Amino acid sequence: MSDIKRFNSDKRLSRAVTHGNVAYLAGITADDRSKGMREQTAEILAKIDAMLKAAGTDKSRLLSAVIWVTDMRAKPQMDEAWAAWADQQNLPARACVEARLGTPDTLVEIMVQAAK
């Protein structure tokens, strides 16, 4: 049985968990929610890079991504930031859905899984 490691845990959740050769990241949101969809997405993706590194992997090893946006009309802005960041040779399986998120100024949330 593989060891389970938890990263950045608090009373509610762990921001990342590794088990075997997979890293699971919690839904990540931007800290600066005064910005638009593109900017919030770029901030989230930078946070994902740091969390993947701490978990012993990187974006080239992404397996899947789930993205929640508050307004599908703004999805092209999220897609623009995603395309600039993603490893185009190693794209994950991805879903994007419209949802009401935790606060009115949270425009996007992203959760990923990656192989180690």
N, C-alpha and C. Protein backbone atom coordinates (compact mmCIF):
# COMPACT_ATOMS: atom_id res chain seq x y z
N MET A 1 0.84 -1.19 0.00
CA MET A 1 0.00 0.00 0.00
C MET A 1 0.88 1.24 0.00
N SER A 2 0.55 2.19 -0.83
CA SER A 2 1.32 3.42 -0.95
C SER A 2 1.02 4.36 0.20
N ASP A 3 2.02 5.14 0.54
CA ASP A 3 1.81 6.15 1.56
C ASP A 3 0.96 7.29 1.02
N ILE A 4 0.13 7.84 1.88
CA ILE A 4 -0.66 9.02 1.54
C ILE A 4 0.02 10.20 2.22
N LYS A 5 0.29 11.25 1.43
CA LYS A 5 0.88 12.48 1.98
C LYS A 5 -0.09 13.62 1.72
N ARG A 6 -0.24 14.47 2.74
CA ARG A 6 -1.15 15.61 2.64
C ARG A 6 -0.35 16.91 2.77
N PHE A 7 -0.72 17.90 1.97
CA PHE A 7 0.00 19.17 1.92
C PHE A 7 -0.95 20.32 2.24
N ASN A 8 -0.46 21.29 3.00
CA ASN A 8 -1.22 22.51 3.31
C ASN A 8 -2.62 22.20 3.82
N SER A 9 -2.68 21.40 4.88
CA SER A 9 -3.96 21.01 5.46
C SER A 9 -4.41 22.01 6.51
N ASP A 10 -5.72 22.17 6.62
CA ASP A 10 -6.30 22.95 7.70
C ASP A 10 -7.49 22.15 8.25
N LYS A 11 -8.40 22.80 8.95
CA LYS A 11 -9.52 22.08 9.55
C LYS A 11 -10.55 21.58 8.53
N ARG A 12 -10.48 22.12 7.30
CA ARG A 12 -11.47 21.74 6.29
C ARG A 12 -10.94 20.78 5.24
N LEU A 13 -9.67 20.93 4.84
CA LEU A 13 -9.18 20.18 3.69
C LEU A 13 -7.66 20.21 3.60
N SER A 14 -7.15 19.40 2.72
CA SER A 14 -5.75 19.45 2.32
C SER A 14 -5.72 20.06 0.92
N ARG A 15 -4.84 20.98 0.68
CA ARG A 15 -4.75 21.61 -0.64
C ARG A 15 -4.24 20.64 -1.69
N ALA A 16 -3.45 19.65 -1.27
CA ALA A 16 -2.96 18.61 -2.17
C ALA A 16 -2.80 17.33 -1.38
N VAL A 17 -3.00 16.21 -2.06
CA VAL A 17 -2.81 14.88 -1.48
C VAL A 17 -2.11 14.03 -2.54
N THR A 18 -1.09 13.30 -2.12
CA THR A 18 -0.48 12.34 -3.04
C THR A 18 -0.74 10.94 -2.51
N HIS A 19 -0.97 10.05 -3.43
CA HIS A 19 -1.17 8.63 -3.11
C HIS A 19 -0.59 7.84 -4.27
N GLY A 20 0.35 6.98 -3.97
CA GLY A 20 1.00 6.26 -5.05
C GLY A 20 1.69 7.24 -5.97
N ASN A 21 1.39 7.15 -7.23
CA ASN A 21 2.02 8.02 -8.23
C ASN A 21 1.08 9.10 -8.75
N VAL A 22 0.10 9.49 -7.93
CA VAL A 22 -0.85 10.52 -8.36
C VAL A 22 -0.93 11.63 -7.30
N ALA A 23 -0.95 12.86 -7.79
CA ALA A 23 -1.17 14.04 -6.94
C ALA A 23 -2.56 14.59 -7.24
N TYR A 24 -3.32 14.82 -6.19
CA TYR A 24 -4.68 15.35 -6.29
C TYR A 24 -4.68 16.75 -5.67
N LEU A 25 -5.04 17.75 -6.44
CA LEU A 25 -5.12 19.11 -5.91
C LEU A 25 -6.57 19.48 -5.67
N ALA A 26 -6.81 20.17 -4.58
CA ALA A 26 -8.15 20.68 -4.27
C ALA A 26 -8.51 21.77 -5.27
N GLY A 27 -9.75 22.18 -5.26
CA GLY A 27 -10.15 23.31 -6.09
C GLY A 27 -9.41 24.56 -5.64
N ILE A 28 -8.74 25.21 -6.59
CA ILE A 28 -7.90 26.38 -6.30
C ILE A 28 -8.58 27.62 -6.86
N THR A 29 -8.61 28.67 -6.05
CA THR A 29 -9.16 29.96 -6.47
C THR A 29 -8.09 31.03 -6.32
N ALA A 30 -8.32 32.17 -6.92
CA ALA A 30 -7.39 33.29 -6.84
C ALA A 30 -7.49 33.98 -5.49
N ASP A 31 -6.38 34.50 -5.02
CA ASP A 31 -6.38 35.31 -3.81
C ASP A 31 -6.87 36.73 -4.12
N ASP A 32 -6.44 37.27 -5.28
CA ASP A 32 -6.85 38.61 -5.69
C ASP A 32 -8.09 38.48 -6.58
N ARG A 33 -9.24 38.60 -5.94
CA ARG A 33 -10.48 38.43 -6.67
C ARG A 33 -11.04 39.76 -7.19
N SER A 34 -10.20 40.80 -7.17
CA SER A 34 -10.62 42.07 -7.76
C SER A 34 -10.36 42.07 -9.27
N LYS A 35 -9.68 41.07 -9.76
CA LYS A 35 -9.31 40.96 -11.18
C LYS A 35 -10.37 40.21 -11.97
N GLY A 36 -10.21 40.23 -13.30
CA GLY A 36 -11.14 39.55 -14.19
C GLY A 36 -10.81 38.07 -14.35
N MET A 37 -11.59 37.41 -15.18
CA MET A 37 -11.47 35.97 -15.40
C MET A 37 -10.06 35.56 -15.85
N ARG A 38 -9.49 36.24 -16.82
CA ARG A 38 -8.16 35.90 -17.34
C ARG A 38 -7.10 36.02 -16.24
N GLU A 39 -7.15 37.11 -15.49
CA GLU A 39 -6.15 37.34 -14.45
C GLU A 39 -6.32 36.37 -13.28
N GLN A 40 -7.56 36.10 -12.89
CA GLN A 40 -7.77 35.11 -11.82
C GLN A 40 -7.26 33.74 -12.27
N THR A 41 -7.54 33.38 -13.51
CA THR A 41 -7.06 32.09 -14.03
C THR A 41 -5.55 32.02 -14.01
N ALA A 42 -4.88 33.06 -14.46
CA ALA A 42 -3.41 33.07 -14.48
C ALA A 42 -2.85 32.92 -13.07
N GLU A 43 -3.46 33.59 -12.09
CA GLU A 43 -3.00 33.46 -10.71
C GLU A 43 -3.20 32.02 -10.21
N ILE A 44 -4.34 31.45 -10.51
CA ILE A 44 -4.62 30.07 -10.09
C ILE A 44 -3.60 29.12 -10.70
N LEU A 45 -3.31 29.28 -11.96
CA LEU A 45 -2.37 28.39 -12.64
C LEU A 45 -0.96 28.50 -12.05
N ALA A 46 -0.56 29.69 -11.65
CA ALA A 46 0.73 29.85 -10.97
C ALA A 46 0.71 29.12 -9.63
N LYS A 47 -0.40 29.19 -8.92
CA LYS A 47 -0.53 28.46 -7.65
C LYS A 47 -0.49 26.95 -7.90
N ILE A 48 -1.12 26.50 -8.97
CA ILE A 48 -1.10 25.08 -9.31
C ILE A 48 0.33 24.63 -9.60
N ASP A 49 1.09 25.44 -10.34
CA ASP A 49 2.50 25.11 -10.60
C ASP A 49 3.25 24.87 -9.30
N ALA A 50 3.09 25.77 -8.34
CA ALA A 50 3.80 25.66 -7.05
C ALA A 50 3.34 24.42 -6.28
N MET A 51 2.05 24.15 -6.29
CA MET A 51 1.54 22.99 -5.56
C MET A 51 1.98 21.68 -6.21
N LEU A 52 1.98 21.64 -7.53
CA LEU A 52 2.46 20.44 -8.22
C LEU A 52 3.93 20.19 -7.91
N LYS A 53 4.72 21.25 -7.90
CA LYS A 53 6.14 21.11 -7.58
C LYS A 53 6.32 20.55 -6.17
N ALA A 54 5.58 21.07 -5.21
CA ALA A 54 5.67 20.58 -3.83
C ALA A 54 5.27 19.12 -3.73
N ALA A 55 4.37 18.68 -4.63
CA ALA A 55 3.91 17.30 -4.63
C ALA A 55 4.81 16.38 -5.46
N GLY A 56 5.85 16.95 -6.09
CA GLY A 56 6.80 16.15 -6.84
C GLY A 56 6.43 15.89 -8.28
N THR A 57 5.69 16.83 -8.88
CA THR A 57 5.30 16.67 -10.28
C THR A 57 5.21 18.04 -10.95
N ASP A 58 4.65 18.09 -12.15
CA ASP A 58 4.50 19.37 -12.85
C ASP A 58 3.37 19.27 -13.87
N LYS A 59 3.09 20.39 -14.53
CA LYS A 59 1.95 20.46 -15.43
C LYS A 59 2.06 19.54 -16.64
N SER A 60 3.26 19.10 -17.00
CA SER A 60 3.40 18.17 -18.12
C SER A 60 2.86 16.79 -17.77
N ARG A 61 2.59 16.56 -16.48
CA ARG A 61 2.11 15.26 -16.01
C ARG A 61 0.62 15.29 -15.63
N LEU A 62 -0.07 16.38 -15.99
CA LEU A 62 -1.49 16.48 -15.66
C LEU A 62 -2.27 15.34 -16.31
N LEU A 63 -3.17 14.77 -15.54
CA LEU A 63 -4.06 13.73 -16.02
C LEU A 63 -5.44 14.30 -16.35
N SER A 64 -5.95 15.13 -15.44
CA SER A 64 -7.28 15.70 -15.63
C SER A 64 -7.38 17.06 -14.96
N ALA A 65 -8.34 17.83 -15.43
CA ALA A 65 -8.63 19.14 -14.85
C ALA A 65 -10.13 19.36 -14.91
N VAL A 66 -10.66 19.92 -13.83
CA VAL A 66 -12.05 20.36 -13.80
C VAL A 66 -12.02 21.85 -13.50
N ILE A 67 -12.70 22.60 -14.34
CA ILE A 67 -12.71 24.06 -14.21
C ILE A 67 -14.15 24.52 -14.06
N TRP A 68 -14.37 25.32 -13.05
CA TRP A 68 -15.68 25.93 -12.84
C TRP A 68 -15.56 27.42 -13.12
N VAL A 69 -16.45 27.96 -13.91
CA VAL A 69 -16.49 29.40 -14.18
C VAL A 69 -17.89 29.90 -13.84
N THR A 70 -17.96 31.15 -13.44
CA THR A 70 -19.26 31.70 -13.05
C THR A 70 -20.07 32.18 -14.24
N ASP A 71 -19.42 32.37 -15.38
CA ASP A 71 -20.12 32.90 -16.55
C ASP A 71 -19.47 32.34 -17.81
N MET A 72 -20.17 31.48 -18.52
CA MET A 72 -19.61 30.88 -19.74
C MET A 72 -19.28 31.91 -20.81
N ARG A 73 -19.90 33.08 -20.73
CA ARG A 73 -19.56 34.12 -21.70
C ARG A 73 -18.13 34.60 -21.51
N ALA A 74 -17.57 34.43 -20.31
CA ALA A 74 -16.18 34.82 -20.04
C ALA A 74 -15.21 33.65 -20.20
N LYS A 75 -15.70 32.47 -20.56
CA LYS A 75 -14.85 31.30 -20.73
C LYS A 75 -13.68 31.54 -21.69
N PRO A 76 -13.86 32.27 -22.80
CA PRO A 76 -12.70 32.51 -23.68
C PRO A 76 -11.52 33.18 -22.97
N GLN A 77 -11.80 34.03 -21.98
CA GLN A 77 -10.72 34.65 -21.20
C GLN A 77 -9.98 33.60 -20.38
N MET A 78 -10.72 32.68 -19.77
CA MET A 78 -10.10 31.60 -19.02
C MET A 78 -9.29 30.72 -19.97
N ASP A 79 -9.89 30.38 -21.13
CA ASP A 79 -9.20 29.54 -22.10
C ASP A 79 -7.90 30.18 -22.59
N GLU A 80 -7.89 31.49 -22.73
CA GLU A 80 -6.68 32.19 -23.18
C GLU A 80 -5.55 32.02 -22.16
N ALA A 81 -5.86 32.20 -20.89
CA ALA A 81 -4.84 32.02 -19.84
C ALA A 81 -4.42 30.56 -19.77
N TRP A 82 -5.37 29.65 -19.89
CA TRP A 82 -5.06 28.21 -19.85
C TRP A 82 -4.12 27.84 -21.00
N ALA A 83 -4.45 28.28 -22.22
CA ALA A 83 -3.63 27.94 -23.39
C ALA A 83 -2.20 28.48 -23.27
N ALA A 84 -2.05 29.66 -22.68
CA ALA A 84 -0.71 30.23 -22.49
C ALA A 84 0.10 29.44 -21.47
N TRP A 85 -0.57 28.79 -20.55
CA TRP A 85 0.09 28.06 -19.46
C TRP A 85 0.29 26.58 -19.76
N ALA A 86 -0.69 25.94 -20.34
CA ALA A 86 -0.70 24.48 -20.48
C ALA A 86 0.44 23.98 -21.36
N ASP A 87 0.91 22.77 -21.05
CA ASP A 87 1.90 22.08 -21.87
C ASP A 87 1.13 21.51 -23.07
N GLN A 88 1.27 22.14 -24.21
CA GLN A 88 0.47 21.78 -25.38
C GLN A 88 0.74 20.36 -25.89
N GLN A 89 1.87 19.79 -25.51
CA GLN A 89 2.19 18.41 -25.91
C GLN A 89 1.62 17.38 -24.93
N ASN A 90 1.13 17.84 -23.79
CA ASN A 90 0.66 16.94 -22.74
C ASN A 90 -0.61 17.47 -22.09
N LEU A 91 -1.62 17.70 -22.89
CA LEU A 91 -2.86 18.27 -22.36
C LEU A 91 -3.65 17.21 -21.59
N PRO A 92 -4.26 17.60 -20.46
CA PRO A 92 -5.05 16.65 -19.68
C PRO A 92 -6.46 16.50 -20.24
N ALA A 93 -7.15 15.48 -19.77
CA ALA A 93 -8.60 15.44 -19.97
C ALA A 93 -9.15 16.62 -19.17
N ARG A 94 -10.13 17.33 -19.74
CA ARG A 94 -10.58 18.56 -19.09
C ARG A 94 -12.07 18.75 -19.23
N ALA A 95 -12.67 19.26 -18.18
CA ALA A 95 -14.08 19.65 -18.22
C ALA A 95 -14.19 21.08 -17.72
N CYS A 96 -15.15 21.81 -18.25
CA CYS A 96 -15.41 23.17 -17.79
C CYS A 96 -16.91 23.34 -17.68
N VAL A 97 -17.35 23.76 -16.51
CA VAL A 97 -18.78 23.94 -16.26
C VAL A 97 -19.04 25.30 -15.63
N GLU A 98 -20.24 25.79 -15.84
CA GLU A 98 -20.66 27.04 -15.20
C GLU A 98 -21.26 26.71 -13.84
N ALA A 99 -20.87 27.49 -12.83
CA ALA A 99 -21.36 27.25 -11.48
C ALA A 99 -21.29 28.53 -10.67
N ARG A 100 -22.09 28.57 -9.63
CA ARG A 100 -21.98 29.65 -8.65
C ARG A 100 -20.92 29.20 -7.66
N LEU A 101 -19.89 30.02 -7.45
CA LEU A 101 -18.76 29.65 -6.61
C LEU A 101 -18.90 30.25 -5.22
N GLY A 102 -17.90 30.02 -4.36
CA GLY A 102 -17.99 30.34 -2.94
C GLY A 102 -18.26 31.79 -2.58
N THR A 103 -17.76 32.72 -3.37
CA THR A 103 -18.02 34.14 -3.13
C THR A 103 -18.37 34.79 -4.47
N PRO A 104 -19.12 35.88 -4.46
CA PRO A 104 -19.53 36.52 -5.71
C PRO A 104 -18.36 37.00 -6.58
N ASP A 105 -17.21 37.30 -5.95
CA ASP A 105 -16.09 37.79 -6.73
C ASP A 105 -15.12 36.69 -7.17
N THR A 106 -15.40 35.44 -6.82
CA THR A 106 -14.62 34.31 -7.31
C THR A 106 -15.20 33.94 -8.67
N LEU A 107 -14.40 34.11 -9.73
CA LEU A 107 -14.88 33.90 -11.09
C LEU A 107 -14.52 32.54 -11.65
N VAL A 108 -13.50 31.90 -11.08
CA VAL A 108 -13.02 30.63 -11.62
C VAL A 108 -12.40 29.80 -10.50
N GLU A 109 -12.54 28.49 -10.59
CA GLU A 109 -11.92 27.55 -9.66
C GLU A 109 -11.44 26.37 -10.49
N ILE A 110 -10.24 25.89 -10.18
CA ILE A 110 -9.65 24.79 -10.95
C ILE A 110 -9.14 23.71 -10.02
N MET A 111 -9.44 22.47 -10.38
CA MET A 111 -8.96 21.29 -9.64
C MET A 111 -8.27 20.38 -10.64
N VAL A 112 -7.07 19.88 -10.29
CA VAL A 112 -6.33 19.01 -11.19
C VAL A 112 -5.83 17.77 -10.48
N GLN A 113 -5.52 16.77 -11.29
CA GLN A 113 -4.83 15.56 -10.85
C GLN A 113 -3.64 15.38 -11.78
N ALA A 114 -2.52 14.92 -11.21
CA ALA A 114 -1.31 14.73 -12.03
C ALA A 114 -0.58 13.47 -11.61
N ALA A 115 0.03 12.82 -12.57
CA ALA A 115 0.91 11.69 -12.29
C ALA A 115 2.21 12.24 -11.73
N LYS A 116 2.84 11.43 -10.89
CA LYS A 116 4.15 11.83 -10.35
C LYS A 116 5.25 11.25 -11.19
